[in-house]
Amino acid sequence: MTPASTDLPAPLKALVGRADDALARALPAEDLPPTDLHRAMRYAVLGGGKRLRPLFVYAAGHALGNDGPLLDAPACAVEIIHAYSLVHDDLPAMDDDALRRGRPTCHIVFGEAMAILAGDALQALAFELLAIAPEGDNARQRIAMLRTLGAACGAEGMAGGQAFDLAGVGHKLSLDELERMHAYKTGALIRASIRLGALAAGCVDESMFARLDRYGHAVGLAFQVRDDILDVEGESAVIGKTAGKDAAADKPTFPSIIGLDASRARLASLVDEALEAISPLGQRGEWLADLARYSATRGH
């Protein structure tokens, strides 16, 4: 694996700001009733975060020749889905965590009932954003985007991955079982982000979709391997969530199954797989390559 910085390159940092601005516009104002719900929604989405999923949307669109405003709706949609999933994952019935992105979790601030409602409303908003077609937009393309996001959220995506995760607590999983769980829980939304960027850019090339999906599969797993390593080596103040939480809960992780050294080796091989998948894009795929490396080297 080529050595990489633990920070994002300047063009991608600028896109984080673009995503933040678009999200602030997309969310309901907190002074509109029901104010508690709207405040909880904005708290969950706008309280920091790496914005990696919007960056995958923008990077895929860029690789296929589109940097325009049509990318903003899918970029917002995937980040809002991600935020909703974190709100629900942190609940006492799920991961029972009090810290997220360096702040108290949504249910700690607003109560469990309002956090559940905020997650529900965020999920609905994400699909609404994709369904609002700009003038002159392609309806078939929009339907494909809705289907892509829906598949990433459901039983064969995040919800299914969370079900695997809950069932795996206290059990020894094989590496294949662990990777399947994370391909659903984390990888599905990352793959969807990349596909949404390609769809918004007007891509209809199935061979390109296949390459981007291979890239997304590898990067999604790399992201999770790095997360598991950080859970062992990181500090709560740096990673923005409770360090050591997975080990304390007896949850299956890459280090607990194959060890830290093998986890680092798996991480390197996944980044190489991702870079090979997008190699035909050449310079156009530079942002995607940067994101693959960053996913494996990030410190939080």
Protein backbone atom coordinates (compact mmCIF):
# COMPACT_ATOMS: atom_id res chain seq x y z
CA MET A 1 0.00 0.00 0.00
CA THR A 2 1.35 3.42 -0.90
CA PRO A 3 2.01 5.56 2.21
CA ALA A 4 -0.55 8.31 2.60
CA SER A 5 -1.27 11.33 4.69
CA THR A 6 -3.69 11.01 7.58
CA ASP A 7 -5.31 14.25 6.39
CA LEU A 8 -7.53 15.03 3.41
CA PRO A 9 -6.06 16.83 0.37
CA ALA A 10 -7.16 20.47 -0.03
CA PRO A 11 -9.73 19.88 -2.83
CA LEU A 12 -11.54 17.31 -0.70
CA LYS A 13 -11.42 19.54 2.38
CA ALA A 14 -13.19 22.20 0.33
CA LEU A 15 -15.90 19.67 -0.53
CA VAL A 16 -16.50 19.04 3.17
CA GLY A 17 -17.51 22.70 3.41
CA ARG A 18 -19.75 22.31 0.37
CA ALA A 19 -21.46 19.33 1.99
CA ASP A 20 -21.92 21.18 5.29
CA ASP A 21 -23.53 24.14 3.53
CA ALA A 22 -25.84 21.89 1.52
CA LEU A 23 -26.86 19.96 4.66
CA ALA A 24 -27.64 23.15 6.58
CA ARG A 25 -29.95 24.21 3.74
CA ALA A 26 -31.59 20.80 3.42
CA LEU A 27 -32.52 20.41 7.10
CA PRO A 28 -35.60 22.10 8.58
CA ALA A 29 -34.92 25.27 10.56
CA GLU A 30 -34.81 24.63 14.28
CA ASP A 31 -37.23 27.48 15.05
CA LEU A 32 -39.98 25.82 13.00
CA PRO A 33 -42.43 23.62 14.91
CA PRO A 34 -42.03 20.93 16.08
CA THR A 35 -38.92 22.68 17.34
CA ASP A 36 -37.61 19.87 19.55
CA LEU A 37 -37.68 17.45 16.64
CA HIS A 38 -36.00 19.87 14.25
CA ARG A 39 -33.35 20.74 16.83
CA ALA A 40 -32.61 17.04 17.35
CA MET A 41 -32.35 16.48 13.58
CA ARG A 42 -29.92 19.34 13.13
CA TYR A 43 -27.92 18.28 16.19
CA ALA A 44 -27.53 14.79 14.78
CA VAL A 45 -26.40 15.91 11.33
CA LEU A 46 -24.50 19.16 11.81
CA GLY A 47 -22.44 18.30 14.88
CA GLY A 48 -19.24 17.48 13.03
CA GLY A 49 -18.26 14.34 11.18
CA LYS A 50 -15.84 13.48 8.39
CA ARG A 51 -18.50 13.77 5.63
CA LEU A 52 -16.86 10.81 3.90
CA ARG A 53 -20.07 9.61 2.26
CA PRO A 54 -20.78 12.97 0.59
CA LEU A 55 -17.14 13.05 -0.46
CA PHE A 56 -17.58 9.68 -2.19
CA VAL A 57 -20.57 11.13 -4.06
CA TYR A 58 -18.58 14.18 -5.17
CA ALA A 59 -15.48 12.14 -6.03
CA ALA A 60 -17.43 9.66 -8.17
CA GLY A 61 -19.22 12.49 -9.96
CA HIS A 62 -15.89 14.25 -10.53
CA ALA A 63 -14.32 11.08 -11.91
CA LEU A 64 -17.14 10.86 -14.45
CA GLY A 65 -17.03 14.51 -15.45
CA ASN A 66 -19.66 16.19 -13.26
CA ASP A 67 -18.94 18.60 -10.42
CA GLY A 68 -22.27 20.43 -10.64
CA PRO A 69 -25.16 21.05 -8.23
CA LEU A 70 -26.92 17.78 -9.15
CA LEU A 71 -24.44 16.06 -6.81
CA ASP A 72 -25.60 17.99 -3.75
CA ALA A 73 -28.92 16.16 -3.23
CA PRO A 74 -27.38 12.66 -3.18
CA ALA A 75 -24.47 13.95 -1.09
CA CYS A 76 -26.93 15.26 1.50
CA ALA A 77 -29.10 12.14 1.30
CA VAL A 78 -26.33 9.69 2.15
CA GLU A 79 -25.00 11.81 5.01
CA ILE A 80 -28.48 12.21 6.46
CA ILE A 81 -29.02 8.44 6.26
CA HIS A 82 -25.66 7.95 7.97
CA ALA A 83 -26.63 10.41 10.72
CA TYR A 84 -29.98 8.69 11.27
CA SER A 85 -28.22 5.33 11.58
CA LEU A 86 -25.84 6.72 14.21
CA VAL A 87 -28.70 8.17 16.26
CA HIS A 88 -30.42 4.77 16.34
CA ASP A 89 -27.18 2.78 16.81
CA ASP A 90 -26.33 4.83 19.91
CA LEU A 91 -29.66 4.10 21.64
CA PRO A 92 -29.65 1.98 24.82
CA ALA A 93 -31.40 -0.87 22.99
CA MET A 94 -28.60 -0.98 20.41
CA ASP A 95 -24.99 0.07 21.15
CA ASP A 96 -25.91 2.15 24.23
CA ASP A 97 -23.30 4.87 23.70
CA ALA A 98 -23.18 8.30 25.34
CA LEU A 99 -20.53 9.88 23.08
CA ARG A 100 -20.60 10.56 19.35
CA ARG A 101 -18.38 12.94 17.37
CA GLY A 102 -16.96 14.21 20.66
CA ARG A 103 -20.38 15.26 22.00
CA PRO A 104 -23.19 13.65 23.99
CA THR A 105 -25.27 11.41 21.75
CA CYS A 106 -28.66 12.56 20.51
CA HIS A 107 -30.69 10.56 23.01
CA ILE A 108 -28.60 11.88 25.91
CA VAL A 109 -29.44 15.46 24.91
CA PHE A 110 -33.02 15.10 23.67
CA GLY A 111 -34.26 11.87 25.27
CA GLU A 112 -34.78 8.46 23.73
CA ALA A 113 -38.22 9.11 22.26
CA MET A 114 -37.15 12.29 20.46
CA ALA A 115 -33.96 10.62 19.22
CA ILE A 116 -36.02 7.81 17.67
CA LEU A 117 -38.30 10.35 16.00
CA ALA A 118 -35.31 12.36 14.77
CA GLY A 119 -33.86 9.24 13.17
CA ASP A 120 -37.19 8.41 11.55
CA ALA A 121 -37.58 11.94 10.20
CA LEU A 122 -34.02 12.04 8.89
CA GLN A 123 -34.50 8.80 6.97
CA ALA A 124 -37.66 10.16 5.34
CA LEU A 125 -35.93 13.46 4.50
CA ALA A 126 -33.11 11.66 2.69
CA PHE A 127 -35.53 10.03 0.25
CA GLU A 128 -37.48 13.27 -0.15
CA LEU A 129 -34.30 15.05 -1.23
CA LEU A 130 -33.64 12.45 -3.92
CA ALA A 131 -37.27 12.53 -5.08
CA ILE A 132 -37.33 16.29 -5.64
CA ALA A 133 -36.18 16.35 -9.25
CA PRO A 134 -34.55 19.57 -10.51
CA GLU A 135 -35.96 21.04 -13.70
CA GLY A 136 -34.82 19.02 -16.69
CA ASP A 137 -33.67 16.10 -14.55
CA ASN A 138 -33.96 12.54 -15.78
CA ALA A 139 -36.82 10.75 -13.97
CA ARG A 140 -35.38 7.29 -14.70
CA GLN A 141 -32.07 8.38 -13.20
CA ARG A 142 -33.86 9.71 -10.12
CA ILE A 143 -35.72 6.41 -9.63
CA ALA A 144 -32.42 4.53 -9.91
CA MET A 145 -30.98 6.76 -7.21
CA LEU A 146 -33.95 6.14 -4.90
CA ARG A 147 -33.65 2.40 -5.44
CA THR A 148 -29.91 2.52 -4.75
CA LEU A 149 -30.36 4.33 -1.46
CA GLY A 150 -33.29 2.14 -0.40
CA ALA A 151 -31.31 -1.05 -0.98
CA ALA A 152 -28.41 0.33 1.06
CA CYS A 153 -30.67 1.02 4.05
CA GLY A 154 -32.69 -2.18 4.26
CA ALA A 155 -32.35 -5.83 5.18
CA GLU A 156 -29.54 -6.33 2.65
CA GLY A 157 -27.85 -3.12 3.77
CA MET A 158 -27.46 -1.22 7.03
CA ALA A 159 -30.42 -2.76 8.87
CA GLY A 160 -29.30 -6.26 7.95
CA GLY A 161 -25.75 -5.46 9.00
CA GLN A 162 -26.94 -4.20 12.36
CA ALA A 163 -28.95 -7.40 12.80
CA PHE A 164 -25.81 -9.45 12.09
CA ASP A 165 -23.92 -7.25 14.55
CA LEU A 166 -26.44 -7.78 17.34
CA ALA A 167 -26.49 -11.53 16.72
CA GLY A 168 -22.68 -11.65 16.77
CA VAL A 169 -22.22 -10.20 20.26
CA GLY A 170 -20.49 -12.79 22.43
CA HIS A 171 -19.93 -15.17 19.51
CA LYS A 172 -16.76 -16.06 17.65
CA LEU A 173 -17.28 -15.19 13.98
CA SER A 174 -15.14 -16.33 11.10
CA LEU A 175 -13.38 -13.67 9.03
CA ASP A 176 -15.84 -14.28 6.18
CA GLU A 177 -18.80 -13.78 8.53
CA LEU A 178 -17.29 -10.59 9.93
CA GLU A 179 -16.63 -9.18 6.47
CA ARG A 180 -20.17 -10.05 5.36
CA MET A 181 -21.57 -8.21 8.39
CA HIS A 182 -19.58 -5.08 7.64
CA ALA A 183 -20.26 -5.24 3.89
CA TYR A 184 -23.89 -4.77 4.94
CA LYS A 185 -23.58 -2.50 7.95
CA THR A 186 -20.91 -0.03 6.75
CA GLY A 187 -20.05 -0.94 3.18
CA ALA A 188 -23.55 -0.82 1.67
CA LEU A 189 -23.96 2.93 2.22
CA ILE A 190 -20.42 3.65 1.02
CA ARG A 191 -21.06 1.66 -2.17
CA ALA A 192 -24.37 3.47 -2.58
CA SER A 193 -22.66 6.85 -2.18
CA ILE A 194 -20.29 6.05 -5.03
CA ARG A 195 -23.06 4.70 -7.25
CA LEU A 196 -25.23 7.76 -6.53
CA GLY A 197 -22.41 10.05 -7.62
CA ALA A 198 -22.03 8.09 -10.83
CA LEU A 199 -25.79 8.12 -11.47
CA ALA A 200 -25.99 11.86 -10.84
CA ALA A 201 -23.14 12.31 -13.32
CA GLY A 202 -25.21 10.47 -15.94
CA CYS A 203 -23.23 7.23 -16.01
CA VAL A 204 -24.93 4.34 -17.86
CA ASP A 205 -21.84 2.17 -18.36
CA GLU A 206 -22.40 -1.11 -16.49
CA SER A 207 -18.71 -2.01 -16.62
CA MET A 208 -17.91 1.28 -14.90
CA PHE A 209 -20.58 0.63 -12.26
CA ALA A 210 -18.98 -2.79 -11.67
CA ARG A 211 -15.54 -1.23 -11.18
CA LEU A 212 -16.92 1.42 -8.84
CA ASP A 213 -18.75 -1.26 -6.86
CA ARG A 214 -15.53 -3.26 -6.45
CA TYR A 215 -13.80 -0.09 -5.31
CA GLY A 216 -16.62 0.67 -2.87
CA HIS A 217 -16.64 -2.85 -1.46
CA ALA A 218 -12.91 -2.69 -0.73
CA VAL A 219 -13.02 0.83 0.70
CA GLY A 220 -16.05 0.02 2.85
CA LEU A 221 -14.24 -2.90 4.45
CA ALA A 222 -11.04 -0.85 4.80
CA PHE A 223 -13.01 1.83 6.62
CA GLN A 224 -14.31 -0.73 9.10
CA VAL A 225 -10.93 -2.41 9.63
CA ARG A 226 -9.48 1.00 10.44
CA ASP A 227 -12.40 1.70 12.80
CA ASP A 228 -11.71 -1.55 14.63
CA ILE A 229 -8.00 -0.75 14.92
CA LEU A 230 -8.83 2.72 16.27
CA ASP A 231 -11.15 1.16 18.84
CA VAL A 232 -8.09 -0.66 20.19
CA GLU A 233 -5.43 2.00 19.77
CA GLY A 234 -7.32 5.29 19.75
CA GLU A 235 -8.27 7.70 22.51
CA SER A 236 -11.87 8.78 23.02
CA ALA A 237 -11.00 12.48 22.81
CA VAL A 238 -9.36 11.94 19.42
CA ILE A 239 -11.68 9.42 17.75
CA GLY A 240 -14.81 11.20 19.02
CA LYS A 241 -16.48 8.14 20.51
CA THR A 242 -15.85 5.76 23.37
CA ALA A 243 -12.56 3.91 22.80
CA GLY A 244 -12.56 0.24 23.71
CA LYS A 245 -16.34 0.06 23.49
CA ASP A 246 -16.39 -2.93 21.14
CA ALA A 247 -14.02 -5.01 23.27
CA ALA A 248 -15.96 -4.17 26.43
CA ALA A 249 -19.20 -5.29 24.76
CA ASP A 250 -17.57 -8.52 23.49
CA LYS A 251 -18.36 -7.57 19.89
CA PRO A 252 -16.54 -9.30 17.03
CA THR A 253 -13.91 -7.08 15.41
CA PHE A 254 -11.03 -7.62 13.01
CA PRO A 255 -8.35 -7.39 15.75
CA SER A 256 -10.27 -9.77 18.03
CA ILE A 257 -10.57 -12.37 15.24
CA ILE A 258 -7.30 -12.09 13.32
CA GLY A 259 -5.14 -9.88 15.54
CA LEU A 260 -3.76 -6.37 15.05
CA ASP A 261 -0.90 -7.25 12.70
CA ALA A 262 -3.14 -9.26 10.39
CA SER A 263 -5.74 -6.47 10.54
CA ARG A 264 -3.15 -3.96 9.36
CA ALA A 265 -2.14 -6.32 6.53
CA ARG A 266 -5.78 -6.79 5.52
CA LEU A 267 -6.22 -3.02 5.53
CA ALA A 268 -3.27 -2.59 3.16
CA SER A 269 -4.56 -5.25 0.78
CA LEU A 270 -8.03 -3.68 0.69
CA VAL A 271 -6.62 -0.30 -0.28
CA ASP A 272 -4.62 -1.95 -3.06
CA GLU A 273 -7.81 -3.67 -4.29
CA ALA A 274 -9.65 -0.35 -4.32
CA LEU A 275 -6.89 1.43 -6.25
CA GLU A 276 -6.68 -1.38 -8.80
CA ALA A 277 -10.44 -1.22 -9.42
CA ILE A 278 -10.34 2.46 -10.41
CA SER A 279 -6.99 2.41 -12.20
CA PRO A 280 -8.61 2.84 -15.67
CA LEU A 281 -9.92 6.23 -14.54
CA GLY A 282 -6.37 7.56 -14.39
CA GLN A 283 -6.10 11.15 -13.17
CA ARG A 284 -9.90 11.50 -13.09
CA GLY A 285 -9.98 9.00 -10.24
CA GLU A 286 -7.49 10.90 -8.08
CA TRP A 287 -10.10 11.98 -5.51
CA LEU A 288 -11.40 8.41 -5.20
CA ALA A 289 -7.82 7.18 -4.72
CA ASP A 290 -7.20 9.84 -2.07
CA LEU A 291 -10.35 8.75 -0.22
CA ALA A 292 -9.29 5.11 -0.29
CA ARG A 293 -5.95 5.99 1.28
CA TYR A 294 -7.52 8.34 3.80
CA SER A 295 -10.03 5.69 4.90
CA ALA A 296 -7.11 3.48 5.86
CA THR A 297 -4.92 6.08 7.58
CA ARG A 298 -7.36 8.41 9.33
CA GLY A 299 -6.82 9.06 13.02
CA HIS A 300 -10.49 9.40 13.94
